[in-house]
Amino acid sequence: MSSRLFAISFDAHQPERLAHFWSSVLGLETTNDSYDGIAPMSGNDAGYRLSFRPSWTQKTGQNRLHFDLTSSSLEDQQETVARALDLGAQHCDVGQGPDASHVVLADPEGNEFCVIEPGNDFLADCGLIGALACDGSQAVGYFWSKALGWPLVWDQDEETAIQSPNGGTKITWGGPPLMPDPGKDLHFDLATNDDQQAEVDRLLSLGAKRLDSAHSGDGSVQLADPDGNKFCVLTHR
């Protein structure tokens, strides 16, 4: 048994505005789901959605999770950057330096993301959302590989990466040291095939931890991975 990555979920003060931003940057159709609110499909072989959930948590530091968007050419990279800026993004300094070939931006709610230069072999054929780059330990990479049933495609110098057997977005972890919890961030929403409680028990056996407010009003169960990142196990759908 393994969980399915149903959505990469944004904490959002203004979910509709943030959904419009990301749908427009990525060229996705915005759809309304009675359970998940605004949750467009990622348009990616990995098969997940983007979800924008209301949250009043304040962002206190750099996100632990951010998207790396790919480019087919320098012109394509410049067009993605210009489109994002027109939609409300801003340039962002995370220490990349003036000679960096990638461009670091922040969306209208301050969530950092990168527009990667063309010719990046590691992200080749991964789609526009080439990677979800995470700050995290080698152990948490192993945890998510087992939790999702996605094989490791990189495991070196305490850096790990996994990818769906179907291809698409890679999820990467950069190794120690771990950045502080920023409060407002991106999270994983997992879907189960049948028995939610059995899947919760399996994830706990892999190293997940229960949170104090484990159950939410929609029936999902909130857990934390071995690095303390919150994630949700949704009810069966």
Protein backbone atom coordinates (compact mmCIF):
# COMPACT_ATOMS: atom_id res chain seq x y z
CA MET A 1 0.00 0.00 0.00
CA SER A 2 1.19 3.54 -0.68
CA SER A 3 -0.34 6.99 -0.63
CA ARG A 4 -0.95 8.95 -3.82
CA LEU A 5 0.26 12.54 -4.00
CA PHE A 6 -3.10 14.17 -4.56
CA ALA A 7 -2.00 17.80 -4.30
CA ILE A 8 0.81 20.15 -3.45
CA SER A 9 -1.05 22.59 -1.25
CA PHE A 10 -0.27 26.26 -0.64
CA ASP A 11 -1.14 28.04 2.60
CA ALA A 12 -2.94 31.07 1.17
CA HIS A 13 -4.33 34.27 2.64
CA GLN A 14 -6.18 34.85 -0.65
CA PRO A 15 -6.66 31.40 -2.25
CA GLU A 16 -8.46 32.64 -5.37
CA ARG A 17 -5.83 35.25 -6.14
CA LEU A 18 -2.95 32.82 -5.61
CA ALA A 19 -4.69 30.15 -7.70
CA HIS A 20 -5.13 32.66 -10.53
CA PHE A 21 -1.43 33.59 -10.34
CA TRP A 22 -0.14 30.02 -10.54
CA SER A 23 -2.70 28.88 -13.10
CA SER A 24 -1.73 31.81 -15.33
CA VAL A 25 2.03 31.33 -14.89
CA LEU A 26 1.77 27.61 -15.66
CA GLY A 27 -0.96 27.82 -18.31
CA LEU A 28 -3.40 25.68 -16.33
CA GLU A 29 -7.19 25.72 -16.35
CA THR A 30 -8.67 26.79 -13.02
CA THR A 31 -11.24 24.27 -11.78
CA ASN A 32 -13.49 24.35 -8.75
CA ASP A 33 -13.82 21.23 -6.63
CA SER A 34 -16.49 21.04 -3.93
CA TYR A 35 -14.06 19.31 -1.58
CA ASP A 36 -10.77 20.99 -2.40
CA GLY A 37 -11.84 24.47 -3.43
CA ILE A 38 -9.65 25.69 -6.28
CA ALA A 39 -7.38 22.82 -7.29
CA PRO A 40 -6.17 22.82 -10.91
CA MET A 41 -4.36 19.79 -12.23
CA SER A 42 -0.62 20.40 -12.52
CA GLY A 43 -0.53 19.38 -16.19
CA ASN A 44 2.30 17.06 -15.19
CA ASP A 45 2.98 13.33 -15.60
CA ALA A 46 3.29 13.00 -11.82
CA GLY A 47 -0.48 13.49 -11.70
CA TYR A 48 -0.97 15.83 -8.76
CA ARG A 49 -3.02 19.01 -8.36
CA LEU A 50 -2.16 22.40 -6.99
CA SER A 51 -4.34 23.28 -4.02
CA PHE A 52 -4.81 26.65 -2.33
CA ARG A 53 -6.12 26.36 1.20
CA PRO A 54 -7.16 29.30 3.40
CA SER A 55 -4.64 30.03 6.13
CA TRP A 56 -4.00 33.05 8.33
CA THR A 57 -0.57 31.83 9.37
CA GLN A 58 2.08 34.48 8.81
CA LYS A 59 5.23 33.70 6.83
CA THR A 60 8.27 34.14 9.09
CA GLY A 61 11.12 33.02 6.83
CA GLN A 62 12.13 31.39 3.57
CA ASN A 63 9.92 28.47 2.54
CA ARG A 64 11.30 24.98 2.97
CA LEU A 65 9.57 23.96 -0.29
CA HIS A 66 9.66 25.79 -3.61
CA PHE A 67 9.08 25.10 -7.29
CA ASP A 68 11.83 25.03 -9.91
CA LEU A 69 10.29 25.92 -13.28
CA THR A 70 12.11 24.76 -16.39
CA SER A 71 12.95 26.63 -19.60
CA SER A 72 13.47 25.41 -23.15
CA SER A 73 15.56 28.44 -24.14
CA LEU A 74 16.80 31.75 -22.77
CA GLU A 75 13.87 33.43 -24.50
CA ASP A 76 11.46 30.98 -22.84
CA GLN A 77 13.06 31.68 -19.44
CA GLN A 78 12.69 35.44 -19.97
CA GLU A 79 9.06 35.02 -21.04
CA THR A 80 8.22 32.98 -17.93
CA VAL A 81 9.86 35.61 -15.71
CA ALA A 82 8.08 38.47 -17.48
CA ARG A 83 4.71 36.70 -17.26
CA ALA A 84 5.16 36.07 -13.55
CA LEU A 85 6.17 39.68 -12.88
CA ASP A 86 3.16 40.96 -14.84
CA LEU A 87 0.93 38.78 -12.65
CA GLY A 88 2.30 40.16 -9.40
CA ALA A 89 5.55 38.28 -8.68
CA GLN A 90 8.64 40.08 -7.43
CA HIS A 91 12.36 39.42 -7.67
CA CYS A 92 13.67 37.74 -4.55
CA ASP A 93 17.15 37.54 -3.01
CA VAL A 94 17.84 34.23 -1.26
CA GLY A 95 21.61 34.57 -1.57
CA GLN A 96 21.85 33.40 -5.19
CA GLY A 97 24.34 36.12 -6.15
CA PRO A 98 24.49 38.35 -9.23
CA ASP A 99 26.02 35.70 -11.49
CA ALA A 100 23.28 33.09 -10.99
CA SER A 101 21.87 31.75 -14.25
CA HIS A 102 18.50 30.98 -12.66
CA VAL A 103 16.03 33.67 -11.64
CA VAL A 104 14.53 33.70 -8.14
CA LEU A 105 11.06 35.20 -7.75
CA ALA A 106 8.36 35.28 -5.10
CA ASP A 107 4.65 34.95 -5.84
CA PRO A 108 2.12 37.55 -4.56
CA GLU A 109 2.13 35.94 -1.10
CA GLY A 110 5.90 35.66 -0.85
CA ASN A 111 6.34 31.99 -1.81
CA GLU A 112 9.75 31.71 -3.44
CA PHE A 113 10.25 29.92 -6.75
CA CYS A 114 13.00 29.63 -9.35
CA VAL A 115 12.93 29.86 -13.13
CA ILE A 116 15.78 27.59 -14.18
CA GLU A 117 18.03 28.29 -17.15
CA PRO A 118 17.80 26.03 -20.24
CA GLY A 119 20.05 22.99 -20.52
CA ASN A 120 19.53 21.62 -17.00
CA ASP A 121 20.00 17.87 -17.59
CA PHE A 122 18.64 16.84 -14.19
CA LEU A 123 15.25 18.41 -14.96
CA ALA A 124 15.09 17.32 -18.59
CA ASP A 125 11.68 15.86 -19.53
CA CYS A 126 10.20 16.68 -16.10
CA GLY A 127 7.71 19.24 -17.44
CA LEU A 128 7.35 22.94 -16.66
CA ILE A 129 7.31 22.23 -12.92
CA GLY A 130 10.64 20.47 -13.10
CA ALA A 131 11.14 20.03 -9.37
CA LEU A 132 9.68 20.70 -5.99
CA ALA A 133 12.92 21.59 -4.22
CA CYS A 134 12.76 20.97 -0.47
CA ASP A 135 15.00 21.82 2.42
CA GLY A 136 15.35 18.54 4.25
CA SER A 137 17.38 15.60 5.42
CA GLN A 138 18.37 12.42 3.66
CA ALA A 139 16.09 10.55 6.07
CA VAL A 140 13.05 12.54 4.97
CA GLY A 141 13.84 11.75 1.33
CA TYR A 142 13.85 8.06 2.22
CA PHE A 143 10.58 8.50 4.12
CA TRP A 144 8.77 10.07 1.17
CA SER A 145 10.15 7.51 -1.26
CA LYS A 146 8.52 4.77 0.83
CA ALA A 147 5.38 6.78 1.59
CA LEU A 148 4.59 7.52 -2.07
CA GLY A 149 6.19 4.48 -3.69
CA TRP A 150 8.35 6.81 -5.80
CA PRO A 151 11.88 5.48 -6.40
CA LEU A 152 15.00 7.41 -5.52
CA VAL A 153 16.56 9.01 -8.61
CA TRP A 154 19.36 10.73 -6.67
CA ASP A 155 21.07 9.79 -3.40
CA GLN A 156 24.46 11.39 -2.92
CA ASP A 157 26.20 13.57 -0.32
CA GLU A 158 23.03 13.56 1.84
CA GLU A 159 21.00 14.98 -1.05
CA THR A 160 18.07 12.90 -2.31
CA ALA A 161 15.45 13.07 -5.03
CA ILE A 162 12.45 10.97 -5.96
CA GLN A 163 10.23 10.83 -9.02
CA SER A 164 6.95 9.16 -9.88
CA PRO A 165 7.31 6.00 -12.00
CA ASN A 166 5.18 7.91 -14.52
CA GLY A 167 7.74 10.71 -14.74
CA GLY A 168 7.06 14.39 -14.19
CA THR A 169 8.10 16.63 -11.32
CA LYS A 170 11.03 15.46 -9.20
CA ILE A 171 10.93 16.10 -5.45
CA THR A 172 14.38 16.91 -4.08
CA TRP A 173 15.91 17.42 -0.63
CA GLY A 174 19.11 19.38 -0.18
CA GLY A 175 20.43 17.83 3.03
CA PRO A 176 21.40 19.51 6.32
CA PRO A 177 21.26 21.98 7.93
CA LEU A 178 17.49 22.29 8.11
CA MET A 179 16.00 25.78 7.83
CA PRO A 180 13.56 26.92 10.53
CA ASP A 181 9.87 26.27 9.95
CA PRO A 182 8.57 29.35 8.07
CA GLY A 183 5.00 28.83 9.33
CA LYS A 184 3.32 29.56 5.99
CA ASP A 185 4.57 27.13 3.35
CA LEU A 186 3.66 24.41 0.85
CA HIS A 187 2.44 20.99 2.01
CA PHE A 188 1.60 17.56 0.63
CA ASP A 189 -1.99 16.30 0.50
CA LEU A 190 -2.12 12.51 0.21
CA ALA A 191 -5.00 10.38 -1.05
CA THR A 192 -5.53 6.77 -0.04
CA ASN A 193 -6.99 3.95 -2.09
CA ASP A 194 -9.33 2.72 0.62
CA ASP A 195 -8.61 2.57 4.36
CA GLN A 196 -7.50 5.95 5.67
CA GLN A 197 -6.66 4.69 9.16
CA ALA A 198 -4.59 1.80 7.83
CA GLU A 199 -2.61 4.23 5.71
CA VAL A 200 -2.12 6.59 8.65
CA ASP A 201 -0.80 3.65 10.68
CA ARG A 202 1.60 2.72 7.86
CA LEU A 203 2.93 6.26 7.62
CA LEU A 204 3.43 6.36 11.39
CA SER A 205 5.40 3.12 11.16
CA LEU A 206 7.65 4.77 8.54
CA GLY A 207 8.47 7.65 10.89
CA ALA A 208 5.62 10.15 10.59
CA LYS A 209 4.33 11.80 13.76
CA ARG A 210 0.84 12.75 14.87
CA LEU A 211 0.13 16.44 15.34
CA ASP A 212 -1.79 17.73 18.36
CA SER A 213 -4.70 18.75 16.12
CA ALA A 214 -4.54 15.56 14.11
CA HIS A 215 -8.08 15.65 12.71
CA SER A 216 -9.47 18.58 10.75
CA GLY A 217 -13.08 19.45 10.06
CA ASP A 218 -13.04 17.85 6.60
CA GLY A 219 -12.05 14.42 7.94
CA SER A 220 -8.42 14.57 6.86
CA VAL A 221 -5.67 13.51 9.26
CA GLN A 222 -2.75 15.86 9.82
CA LEU A 223 0.68 14.34 10.35
CA ALA A 224 4.28 15.54 10.22
CA ASP A 225 7.16 13.88 8.37
CA PRO A 226 10.47 13.11 10.16
CA ASP A 227 11.66 16.69 9.56
CA GLY A 228 8.50 18.14 11.12
CA ASN A 229 6.79 19.23 7.89
CA LYS A 230 2.99 19.04 8.15
CA PHE A 231 1.06 16.97 5.61
CA CYS A 232 -2.53 15.73 5.28
CA VAL A 233 -3.98 12.30 4.64
CA LEU A 234 -7.32 12.96 2.97
CA THR A 235 -10.49 10.93 3.28
CA HIS A 236 -11.07 8.30 0.61
CA ARG A 237 -12.23 9.72 -2.72
